[in-house]
Protein backbone atom coordinates (compact mmCIF):
# COMPACT_ATOMS: atom_id res chain seq x y z
CA UNK A 1 0.00 0.00 0.00
CA UNK A 2 2.76 2.43 0.94
CA UNK A 3 5.05 1.18 -1.79
CA UNK A 4 3.34 3.43 -4.32
CA UNK A 5 3.80 6.52 -2.13
CA UNK A 6 6.36 9.01 -3.55
CA UNK A 7 9.61 9.03 -1.67
CA UNK A 8 10.70 12.48 -2.72
CA UNK A 9 8.92 15.71 -3.47
CA UNK A 10 10.19 15.53 -7.05
CA UNK A 11 8.30 12.31 -7.48
CA UNK A 12 5.05 14.27 -7.09
CA UNK A 13 5.73 16.41 -10.20
CA UNK A 14 4.57 14.70 -13.36
CA UNK A 15 7.47 13.83 -15.56
CA UNK A 16 7.67 15.62 -18.88
CA UNK A 17 8.76 13.84 -21.95
CA UNK A 18 12.19 14.84 -23.11
CA UNK A 19 11.84 17.23 -26.05
CA UNK A 20 12.49 15.72 -29.43
CA UNK A 21 15.83 16.61 -30.89
CA UNK A 22 15.37 19.98 -32.53
CA UNK A 23 16.64 20.34 -36.07
CA UNK A 24 19.40 22.89 -36.43
CA UNK A 25 18.30 26.11 -38.14
CA UNK A 26 19.14 26.36 -41.83
CA UNK A 27 22.51 27.86 -42.57
CA UNK A 28 22.47 31.58 -43.32
CA UNK A 29 25.87 31.66 -44.97
CA UNK A 30 25.91 32.52 -48.66
CA UNK A 31 27.59 29.81 -50.63
CA UNK A 32 29.61 30.56 -53.69
CA UNK A 33 28.16 28.53 -56.54
CA UNK A 34 30.49 25.85 -57.75
CA UNK A 35 32.05 26.62 -61.09
CA UNK A 36 32.58 24.01 -63.73
CA UNK A 37 36.13 23.10 -64.66
CA UNK A 38 35.67 23.09 -68.42
CA UNK A 39 38.64 24.56 -70.32
CA UNK A 40 36.54 27.60 -71.26
CA UNK A 41 35.52 28.23 -67.65
CA UNK A 42 39.14 27.93 -66.55
CA UNK A 43 39.92 30.70 -69.05
CA UNK A 44 37.11 32.87 -67.64
CA UNK A 45 38.41 32.26 -64.09
CA UNK A 46 41.90 33.32 -65.17
CA UNK A 47 40.49 36.43 -66.87
CA UNK A 48 38.78 37.47 -63.64
CA UNK A 49 41.98 37.03 -61.63
CA UNK A 50 44.00 38.92 -64.22
CA UNK A 51 41.60 41.87 -64.48
CA UNK A 52 41.39 42.22 -60.70
CA UNK A 53 45.18 42.22 -60.44
CA UNK A 54 46.01 44.49 -63.39
CA UNK A 55 43.41 47.13 -62.57
CA UNK A 56 43.65 46.76 -58.78
CA UNK A 57 39.91 46.42 -58.38
CA UNK A 58 37.66 44.54 -56.04
CA UNK A 59 34.36 42.83 -56.81
CA UNK A 60 31.79 44.07 -54.32
CA UNK A 61 29.18 41.52 -55.43
CA UNK A 62 28.66 38.94 -58.13
CA UNK A 63 25.23 39.64 -59.55
CA UNK A 64 22.83 36.96 -60.69
CA UNK A 65 21.50 39.16 -63.52
CA UNK A 66 23.42 40.62 -66.45
CA UNK A 67 23.74 44.11 -65.05
CA UNK A 68 26.63 45.86 -63.40
CA UNK A 69 28.13 49.05 -62.06
CA UNK A 70 31.57 50.52 -61.36
CA UNK A 71 32.58 53.13 -58.80
CA UNK A 72 35.41 54.36 -56.60
CA UNK A 73 35.66 55.11 -52.89
CA UNK A 74 38.13 57.85 -51.93
CA UNK A 75 39.51 57.79 -48.38
CA UNK A 76 40.85 60.69 -46.32
CA UNK A 77 44.38 59.24 -46.37
CA UNK A 78 44.43 59.34 -50.19
CA UNK A 79 43.67 55.67 -50.83
CA UNK A 80 41.21 54.80 -53.58
CA UNK A 81 39.20 51.58 -53.77
CA UNK A 82 38.06 50.56 -57.25
CA UNK A 83 34.88 48.51 -57.06
CA UNK A 84 32.58 46.74 -59.49
CA UNK A 85 29.47 44.61 -59.45
CA UNK A 86 28.73 42.31 -62.38
CA UNK A 87 27.79 38.74 -63.24
CA UNK A 88 30.60 36.18 -62.98
CA UNK A 89 31.86 35.36 -66.49
CA UNK A 90 30.43 32.02 -67.60
CA UNK A 91 29.67 32.82 -71.24
CA UNK A 92 30.00 35.61 -73.82
CA UNK A 93 27.25 37.82 -72.35
CA UNK A 94 28.28 37.70 -68.70
CA UNK A 95 31.91 38.10 -69.77
CA UNK A 96 31.04 41.19 -71.84
CA UNK A 97 29.21 42.82 -68.93
CA UNK A 98 32.12 42.01 -66.60
CA UNK A 99 34.66 43.44 -69.05
CA UNK A 100 32.52 46.54 -69.61
CA UNK A 101 32.57 47.27 -65.86
CA UNK A 102 36.33 46.66 -65.73
CA UNK A 103 36.56 48.99 -68.73
CA UNK A 104 35.22 51.90 -66.68
CA UNK A 105 38.28 51.62 -64.43
CA UNK A 106 40.67 50.83 -67.29
CA UNK A 107 39.77 54.01 -69.21
CA UNK A 108 39.33 56.05 -66.03
CA UNK A 109 36.05 56.87 -64.33
CA UNK A 110 34.74 60.33 -65.28
CA UNK A 111 37.44 60.76 -67.92
CA UNK A 112 34.89 61.20 -70.71
CA UNK A 113 31.97 63.62 -70.76
CA UNK A 114 29.05 63.30 -71.24
CA UNK A 115 28.42 60.07 -69.35
CA UNK A 116 27.07 58.33 -72.47
CA UNK A 117 30.51 58.82 -74.08
CA UNK A 118 32.14 57.04 -71.13
CA UNK A 119 29.68 54.16 -71.65
CA UNK A 120 30.74 53.97 -75.31
CA UNK A 121 34.45 53.83 -74.44
CA UNK A 122 33.90 51.25 -71.66
CA UNK A 123 32.04 48.99 -74.11
CA UNK A 124 34.68 49.52 -76.77
CA UNK A 125 37.52 48.70 -74.37
CA UNK A 126 35.75 45.61 -72.98
CA UNK A 127 34.88 44.10 -76.36
CA UNK A 128 38.32 44.85 -77.82
CA UNK A 129 39.97 43.11 -74.84
CA UNK A 130 37.69 40.09 -75.27
CA UNK A 131 38.58 39.79 -78.96
CA UNK A 132 42.31 40.19 -78.31
CA UNK A 133 42.20 37.42 -75.70
CA UNK A 134 40.23 35.07 -77.95
CA UNK A 135 36.86 35.29 -76.19
CA UNK A 136 33.75 35.17 -78.35
CA UNK A 137 31.84 38.40 -78.99
CA UNK A 138 28.49 37.16 -80.25
CA UNK A 139 25.66 38.93 -82.05
CA UNK A 140 23.69 38.86 -78.77
CA UNK A 141 26.55 40.69 -77.05
CA UNK A 142 26.59 43.34 -79.78
CA UNK A 143 22.82 43.73 -79.50
CA UNK A 144 23.19 44.18 -75.75
CA UNK A 145 25.86 46.83 -76.32
CA UNK A 146 23.63 48.62 -78.84
CA UNK A 147 20.67 48.59 -76.45
CA UNK A 148 22.83 49.93 -73.63
CA UNK A 149 24.21 52.76 -75.77
CA UNK A 150 20.78 53.70 -77.12
CA UNK A 151 19.54 53.87 -73.54
CA UNK A 152 22.54 55.97 -72.42
CA UNK A 153 22.12 58.45 -75.29
CA UNK A 154 18.34 58.73 -74.76
CA UNK A 155 18.94 59.37 -71.06
CA UNK A 156 21.45 62.12 -71.89
CA UNK A 157 18.97 63.70 -74.30
CA UNK A 158 16.24 63.66 -71.63
CA UNK A 159 18.69 65.42 -69.30
CA UNK A 160 19.30 68.17 -71.85
CA UNK A 161 22.20 67.00 -74.05
CA UNK A 162 22.55 69.55 -76.88
CA UNK A 163 25.53 68.23 -78.83
CA UNK A 164 26.06 64.53 -79.40
CA UNK A 165 29.63 63.23 -79.65
CA UNK A 166 30.32 61.85 -83.13
CA UNK A 167 31.01 58.35 -81.79
CA UNK A 168 27.43 58.08 -80.56
CA UNK A 169 25.54 59.13 -83.69
CA UNK A 170 24.58 55.51 -84.60
CA UNK A 171 22.72 55.19 -81.28
CA UNK A 172 20.93 58.58 -81.32
CA UNK A 173 17.13 58.66 -81.08
CA UNK A 174 15.61 59.05 -84.55
CA UNK A 175 15.23 62.65 -85.69
CA UNK A 176 16.95 64.27 -82.70
CA UNK A 177 20.46 64.99 -84.02
CA UNK A 178 19.98 64.46 -87.76
CA UNK A 179 19.61 68.11 -88.77
CA UNK A 180 21.79 71.14 -88.25
CA UNK A 181 25.34 72.14 -89.19
CA UNK A 182 27.04 69.36 -87.19
CA UNK A 183 25.06 66.50 -88.72
CA UNK A 184 27.17 66.08 -91.88
CA UNK A 185 30.48 66.22 -90.03
CA UNK A 186 29.16 63.82 -87.37
CA UNK A 187 28.05 61.33 -90.02
CA UNK A 188 31.42 61.58 -91.81
CA UNK A 189 33.35 60.96 -88.59
CA UNK A 190 31.13 58.03 -87.70
CA UNK A 191 31.59 56.32 -91.06
CA UNK A 192 35.34 56.19 -90.46
CA UNK A 193 35.02 54.83 -86.92
CA UNK A 194 35.77 51.27 -85.88
CA UNK A 195 33.34 49.06 -87.88
CA UNK A 196 33.22 46.50 -85.06
CA UNK A 197 31.38 49.01 -82.90
CA UNK A 198 28.57 49.71 -85.36
C-alpha atoms as a PDB file:
ATOM      1  CA  UNK A   1       0.000   0.000   0.000  1.00  0.00           C
ATOM      2  CA  UNK A   2       2.756   2.434   0.940  1.00  0.00           C
ATOM      3  CA  UNK A   3       5.052   1.177  -1.787  1.00  0.00           C
ATOM      4  CA  UNK A   4       3.338   3.434  -4.323  1.00  0.00           C
ATOM      5  CA  UNK A   5       3.804   6.521  -2.130  1.00  0.00           C
ATOM      6  CA  UNK A   6       6.358   9.005  -3.555  1.00  0.00           C
ATOM      7  CA  UNK A   7       9.607   9.026  -1.672  1.00  0.00           C
ATOM      8  CA  UNK A   8      10.697  12.485  -2.724  1.00  0.00           C
ATOM      9  CA  UNK A   9       8.916  15.714  -3.475  1.00  0.00           C
ATOM     10  CA  UNK A  10      10.188  15.527  -7.055  1.00  0.00           C
ATOM     11  CA  UNK A  11       8.299  12.311  -7.479  1.00  0.00           C
ATOM     12  CA  UNK A  12       5.047  14.275  -7.093  1.00  0.00           C
ATOM     13  CA  UNK A  13       5.732  16.413 -10.195  1.00  0.00           C
ATOM     14  CA  UNK A  14       4.573  14.699 -13.365  1.00  0.00           C
ATOM     15  CA  UNK A  15       7.473  13.829 -15.559  1.00  0.00           C
ATOM     16  CA  UNK A  16       7.666  15.618 -18.883  1.00  0.00           C
ATOM     17  CA  UNK A  17       8.762  13.844 -21.954  1.00  0.00           C
ATOM     18  CA  UNK A  18      12.193  14.836 -23.111  1.00  0.00           C
ATOM     19  CA  UNK A  19      11.837  17.228 -26.045  1.00  0.00           C
ATOM     20  CA  UNK A  20      12.493  15.720 -29.427  1.00  0.00           C
ATOM     21  CA  UNK A  21      15.826  16.609 -30.890  1.00  0.00           C
ATOM     22  CA  UNK A  22      15.366  19.984 -32.525  1.00  0.00           C
ATOM     23  CA  UNK A  23      16.639  20.337 -36.072  1.00  0.00           C
ATOM     24  CA  UNK A  24      19.404  22.887 -36.432  1.00  0.00           C
ATOM     25  CA  UNK A  25      18.305  26.109 -38.135  1.00  0.00           C
ATOM     26  CA  UNK A  26      19.137  26.365 -41.825  1.00  0.00           C
ATOM     27  CA  UNK A  27      22.513  27.859 -42.569  1.00  0.00           C
ATOM     28  CA  UNK A  28      22.473  31.581 -43.320  1.00  0.00           C
ATOM     29  CA  UNK A  29      25.867  31.664 -44.968  1.00  0.00           C
ATOM     30  CA  UNK A  30      25.909  32.522 -48.662  1.00  0.00           C
ATOM     31  CA  UNK A  31      27.587  29.811 -50.631  1.00  0.00           C
ATOM     32  CA  UNK A  32      29.607  30.560 -53.694  1.00  0.00           C
ATOM     33  CA  UNK A  33      28.162  28.535 -56.542  1.00  0.00           C
ATOM     34  CA  UNK A  34      30.490  25.847 -57.747  1.00  0.00           C
ATOM     35  CA  UNK A  35      32.052  26.619 -61.087  1.00  0.00           C
ATOM     36  CA  UNK A  36      32.583  24.015 -63.729  1.00  0.00           C
ATOM     37  CA  UNK A  37      36.131  23.104 -64.656  1.00  0.00           C
ATOM     38  CA  UNK A  38      35.673  23.089 -68.419  1.00  0.00           C
ATOM     39  CA  UNK A  39      38.638  24.559 -70.324  1.00  0.00           C
ATOM     40  CA  UNK A  40      36.539  27.599 -71.260  1.00  0.00           C
ATOM     41  CA  UNK A  41      35.519  28.233 -67.649  1.00  0.00           C
ATOM     42  CA  UNK A  42      39.138  27.934 -66.546  1.00  0.00           C
ATOM     43  CA  UNK A  43      39.925  30.704 -69.053  1.00  0.00           C
ATOM     44  CA  UNK A  44      37.115  32.869 -67.636  1.00  0.00           C
ATOM     45  CA  UNK A  45      38.409  32.262 -64.090  1.00  0.00           C
ATOM     46  CA  UNK A  46      41.903  33.315 -65.170  1.00  0.00           C
ATOM     47  CA  UNK A  47      40.491  36.428 -66.868  1.00  0.00           C
ATOM     48  CA  UNK A  48      38.777  37.471 -63.637  1.00  0.00           C
ATOM     49  CA  UNK A  49      41.976  37.027 -61.629  1.00  0.00           C
ATOM     50  CA  UNK A  50      44.001  38.924 -64.220  1.00  0.00           C
ATOM     51  CA  UNK A  51      41.596  41.872 -64.481  1.00  0.00           C
ATOM     52  CA  UNK A  52      41.387  42.223 -60.701  1.00  0.00           C
ATOM     53  CA  UNK A  53      45.175  42.215 -60.445  1.00  0.00           C
ATOM     54  CA  UNK A  54      46.006  44.494 -63.392  1.00  0.00           C
ATOM     55  CA  UNK A  55      43.410  47.132 -62.568  1.00  0.00           C
ATOM     56  CA  UNK A  56      43.647  46.762 -58.781  1.00  0.00           C
ATOM     57  CA  UNK A  57      39.915  46.416 -58.381  1.00  0.00           C
ATOM     58  CA  UNK A  58      37.656  44.542 -56.038  1.00  0.00           C
ATOM     59  CA  UNK A  59      34.356  42.832 -56.809  1.00  0.00           C
ATOM     60  CA  UNK A  60      31.789  44.071 -54.316  1.00  0.00           C
ATOM     61  CA  UNK A  61      29.181  41.523 -55.428  1.00  0.00           C
ATOM     62  CA  UNK A  62      28.665  38.936 -58.131  1.00  0.00           C
ATOM     63  CA  UNK A  63      25.228  39.642 -59.551  1.00  0.00           C
ATOM     64  CA  UNK A  64      22.831  36.955 -60.693  1.00  0.00           C
ATOM     65  CA  UNK A  65      21.504  39.158 -63.523  1.00  0.00           C
ATOM     66  CA  UNK A  66      23.419  40.617 -66.445  1.00  0.00           C
ATOM     67  CA  UNK A  67      23.741  44.110 -65.050  1.00  0.00           C
ATOM     68  CA  UNK A  68      26.628  45.858 -63.401  1.00  0.00           C
ATOM     69  CA  UNK A  69      28.135  49.054 -62.058  1.00  0.00           C
ATOM     70  CA  UNK A  70      31.568  50.518 -61.360  1.00  0.00           C
ATOM     71  CA  UNK A  71      32.583  53.127 -58.796  1.00  0.00           C
ATOM     72  CA  UNK A  72      35.406  54.364 -56.598  1.00  0.00           C
ATOM     73  CA  UNK A  73      35.661  55.109 -52.889  1.00  0.00           C
ATOM     74  CA  UNK A  74      38.130  57.855 -51.927  1.00  0.00           C
ATOM     75  CA  UNK A  75      39.510  57.789 -48.381  1.00  0.00           C
ATOM     76  CA  UNK A  76      40.847  60.690 -46.319  1.00  0.00           C
ATOM     77  CA  UNK A  77      44.378  59.243 -46.367  1.00  0.00           C
ATOM     78  CA  UNK A  78      44.434  59.337 -50.189  1.00  0.00           C
ATOM     79  CA  UNK A  79      43.666  55.665 -50.829  1.00  0.00           C
ATOM     80  CA  UNK A  80      41.207  54.800 -53.576  1.00  0.00           C
ATOM     81  CA  UNK A  81      39.203  51.577 -53.768  1.00  0.00           C
ATOM     82  CA  UNK A  82      38.063  50.562 -57.249  1.00  0.00           C
ATOM     83  CA  UNK A  83      34.885  48.510 -57.065  1.00  0.00           C
ATOM     84  CA  UNK A  84      32.581  46.737 -59.488  1.00  0.00           C
ATOM     85  CA  UNK A  85      29.469  44.606 -59.454  1.00  0.00           C
ATOM     86  CA  UNK A  86      28.728  42.308 -62.379  1.00  0.00           C
ATOM     87  CA  UNK A  87      27.789  38.737 -63.236  1.00  0.00           C
ATOM     88  CA  UNK A  88      30.597  36.181 -62.976  1.00  0.00           C
ATOM     89  CA  UNK A  89      31.857  35.359 -66.486  1.00  0.00           C
ATOM     90  CA  UNK A  90      30.430  32.015 -67.600  1.00  0.00           C
ATOM     91  CA  UNK A  91      29.673  32.817 -71.238  1.00  0.00           C
ATOM     92  CA  UNK A  92      29.998  35.614 -73.817  1.00  0.00           C
ATOM     93  CA  UNK A  93      27.245  37.822 -72.352  1.00  0.00           C
ATOM     94  CA  UNK A  94      28.279  37.702 -68.704  1.00  0.00           C
ATOM     95  CA  UNK A  95      31.910  38.100 -69.769  1.00  0.00           C
ATOM     96  CA  UNK A  96      31.043  41.186 -71.842  1.00  0.00           C
ATOM     97  CA  UNK A  97      29.211  42.824 -68.931  1.00  0.00           C
ATOM     98  CA  UNK A  98      32.125  42.015 -66.604  1.00  0.00           C
ATOM     99  CA  UNK A  99      34.662  43.445 -69.049  1.00  0.00           C
ATOM    100  CA  UNK A 100      32.517  46.542 -69.608  1.00  0.00           C
ATOM    101  CA  UNK A 101      32.570  47.265 -65.857  1.00  0.00           C
ATOM    102  CA  UNK A 102      36.325  46.658 -65.727  1.00  0.00           C
ATOM    103  CA  UNK A 103      36.557  48.993 -68.727  1.00  0.00           C
ATOM    104  CA  UNK A 104      35.223  51.902 -66.684  1.00  0.00           C
ATOM    105  CA  UNK A 105      38.278  51.619 -64.427  1.00  0.00           C
ATOM    106  CA  UNK A 106      40.669  50.834 -67.289  1.00  0.00           C
ATOM    107  CA  UNK A 107      39.774  54.012 -69.206  1.00  0.00           C
ATOM    108  CA  UNK A 108      39.329  56.052 -66.025  1.00  0.00           C
ATOM    109  CA  UNK A 109      36.051  56.868 -64.334  1.00  0.00           C
ATOM    110  CA  UNK A 110      34.735  60.333 -65.281  1.00  0.00           C
ATOM    111  CA  UNK A 111      37.439  60.758 -67.917  1.00  0.00           C
ATOM    112  CA  UNK A 112      34.886  61.200 -70.709  1.00  0.00           C
ATOM    113  CA  UNK A 113      31.971  63.620 -70.759  1.00  0.00           C
ATOM    114  CA  UNK A 114      29.050  63.296 -71.241  1.00  0.00           C
ATOM    115  CA  UNK A 115      28.416  60.072 -69.348  1.00  0.00           C
ATOM    116  CA  UNK A 116      27.073  58.326 -72.467  1.00  0.00           C
ATOM    117  CA  UNK A 117      30.509  58.819 -74.080  1.00  0.00           C
ATOM    118  CA  UNK A 118      32.138  57.037 -71.126  1.00  0.00           C
ATOM    119  CA  UNK A 119      29.685  54.165 -71.648  1.00  0.00           C
ATOM    120  CA  UNK A 120      30.738  53.966 -75.307  1.00  0.00           C
ATOM    121  CA  UNK A 121      34.450  53.830 -74.443  1.00  0.00           C
ATOM    122  CA  UNK A 122      33.898  51.250 -71.657  1.00  0.00           C
ATOM    123  CA  UNK A 123      32.038  48.993 -74.111  1.00  0.00           C
ATOM    124  CA  UNK A 124      34.681  49.521 -76.768  1.00  0.00           C
ATOM    125  CA  UNK A 125      37.521  48.702 -74.368  1.00  0.00           C
ATOM    126  CA  UNK A 126      35.753  45.615 -72.979  1.00  0.00           C
ATOM    127  CA  UNK A 127      34.878  44.096 -76.361  1.00  0.00           C
ATOM    128  CA  UNK A 128      38.324  44.848 -77.822  1.00  0.00           C
ATOM    129  CA  UNK A 129      39.966  43.113 -74.844  1.00  0.00           C
ATOM    130  CA  UNK A 130      37.689  40.086 -75.268  1.00  0.00           C
ATOM    131  CA  UNK A 131      38.579  39.788 -78.958  1.00  0.00           C
ATOM    132  CA  UNK A 132      42.312  40.187 -78.311  1.00  0.00           C
ATOM    133  CA  UNK A 133      42.200  37.420 -75.703  1.00  0.00           C
ATOM    134  CA  UNK A 134      40.230  35.069 -77.952  1.00  0.00           C
ATOM    135  CA  UNK A 135      36.863  35.293 -76.188  1.00  0.00           C
ATOM    136  CA  UNK A 136      33.750  35.169 -78.351  1.00  0.00           C
ATOM    137  CA  UNK A 137      31.842  38.401 -78.987  1.00  0.00           C
ATOM    138  CA  UNK A 138      28.486  37.157 -80.253  1.00  0.00           C
ATOM    139  CA  UNK A 139      25.664  38.935 -82.051  1.00  0.00           C
ATOM    140  CA  UNK A 140      23.693  38.865 -78.767  1.00  0.00           C
ATOM    141  CA  UNK A 141      26.546  40.693 -77.047  1.00  0.00           C
ATOM    142  CA  UNK A 142      26.590  43.345 -79.785  1.00  0.00           C
ATOM    143  CA  UNK A 143      22.820  43.729 -79.501  1.00  0.00           C
ATOM    144  CA  UNK A 144      23.193  44.184 -75.747  1.00  0.00           C
ATOM    145  CA  UNK A 145      25.865  46.832 -76.320  1.00  0.00           C
ATOM    146  CA  UNK A 146      23.634  48.623 -78.844  1.00  0.00           C
ATOM    147  CA  UNK A 147      20.665  48.585 -76.455  1.00  0.00           C
ATOM    148  CA  UNK A 148      22.832  49.932 -73.629  1.00  0.00           C
ATOM    149  CA  UNK A 149      24.213  52.759 -75.766  1.00  0.00           C
ATOM    150  CA  UNK A 150      20.785  53.701 -77.122  1.00  0.00           C
ATOM    151  CA  UNK A 151      19.536  53.874 -73.540  1.00  0.00           C
ATOM    152  CA  UNK A 152      22.538  55.969 -72.425  1.00  0.00           C
ATOM    153  CA  UNK A 153      22.118  58.454 -75.290  1.00  0.00           C
ATOM    154  CA  UNK A 154      18.341  58.729 -74.764  1.00  0.00           C
ATOM    155  CA  UNK A 155      18.937  59.371 -71.065  1.00  0.00           C
ATOM    156  CA  UNK A 156      21.448  62.117 -71.888  1.00  0.00           C
ATOM    157  CA  UNK A 157      18.966  63.698 -74.302  1.00  0.00           C
ATOM    158  CA  UNK A 158      16.244  63.659 -71.627  1.00  0.00           C
ATOM    159  CA  UNK A 159      18.692  65.425 -69.304  1.00  0.00           C
ATOM    160  CA  UNK A 160      19.302  68.172 -71.849  1.00  0.00           C
ATOM    161  CA  UNK A 161      22.199  66.999 -74.046  1.00  0.00           C
ATOM    162  CA  UNK A 162      22.550  69.555 -76.881  1.00  0.00           C
ATOM    163  CA  UNK A 163      25.534  68.229 -78.829  1.00  0.00           C
ATOM    164  CA  UNK A 164      26.059  64.533 -79.399  1.00  0.00           C
ATOM    165  CA  UNK A 165      29.633  63.230 -79.649  1.00  0.00           C
ATOM    166  CA  UNK A 166      30.316  61.850 -83.134  1.00  0.00           C
ATOM    167  CA  UNK A 167      31.013  58.348 -81.786  1.00  0.00           C
ATOM    168  CA  UNK A 168      27.428  58.075 -80.555  1.00  0.00           C
ATOM    169  CA  UNK A 169      25.537  59.133 -83.694  1.00  0.00           C
ATOM    170  CA  UNK A 170      24.575  55.512 -84.604  1.00  0.00           C
ATOM    171  CA  UNK A 171      22.721  55.194 -81.279  1.00  0.00           C
ATOM    172  CA  UNK A 172      20.935  58.578 -81.323  1.00  0.00           C
ATOM    173  CA  UNK A 173      17.130  58.663 -81.077  1.00  0.00           C
ATOM    174  CA  UNK A 174      15.611  59.046 -84.552  1.00  0.00           C
ATOM    175  CA  UNK A 175      15.226  62.653 -85.690  1.00  0.00           C
ATOM    176  CA  UNK A 176      16.946  64.274 -82.696  1.00  0.00           C
ATOM    177  CA  UNK A 177      20.460  64.988 -84.015  1.00  0.00           C
ATOM    178  CA  UNK A 178      19.975  64.465 -87.758  1.00  0.00           C
ATOM    179  CA  UNK A 179      19.607  68.114 -88.771  1.00  0.00           C
ATOM    180  CA  UNK A 180      21.790  71.139 -88.248  1.00  0.00           C
ATOM    181  CA  UNK A 181      25.342  72.138 -89.190  1.00  0.00           C
ATOM    182  CA  UNK A 182      27.039  69.360 -87.186  1.00  0.00           C
ATOM    183  CA  UNK A 183      25.056  66.496 -88.719  1.00  0.00           C
ATOM    184  CA  UNK A 184      27.167  66.081 -91.882  1.00  0.00           C
ATOM    185  CA  UNK A 185      30.480  66.218 -90.031  1.00  0.00           C
ATOM    186  CA  UNK A 186      29.162  63.817 -87.371  1.00  0.00           C
ATOM    187  CA  UNK A 187      28.055  61.328 -90.015  1.00  0.00           C
ATOM    188  CA  UNK A 188      31.419  61.576 -91.806  1.00  0.00           C
ATOM    189  CA  UNK A 189      33.346  60.963 -88.585  1.00  0.00           C
ATOM    190  CA  UNK A 190      31.129  58.027 -87.698  1.00  0.00           C
ATOM    191  CA  UNK A 191      31.589  56.325 -91.056  1.00  0.00           C
ATOM    192  CA  UNK A 192      35.337  56.192 -90.464  1.00  0.00           C
ATOM    193  CA  UNK A 193      35.017  54.832 -86.920  1.00  0.00           C
ATOM    194  CA  UNK A 194      35.766  51.269 -85.879  1.00  0.00           C
ATOM    195  CA  UNK A 195      33.339  49.059 -87.879  1.00  0.00           C
ATOM    196  CA  UNK A 196      33.223  46.498 -85.060  1.00  0.00           C
ATOM    197  CA  UNK A 197      31.383  49.011 -82.895  1.00  0.00           C
ATOM    198  CA  UNK A 198      28.567  49.714 -85.358  1.00  0.00           C
END
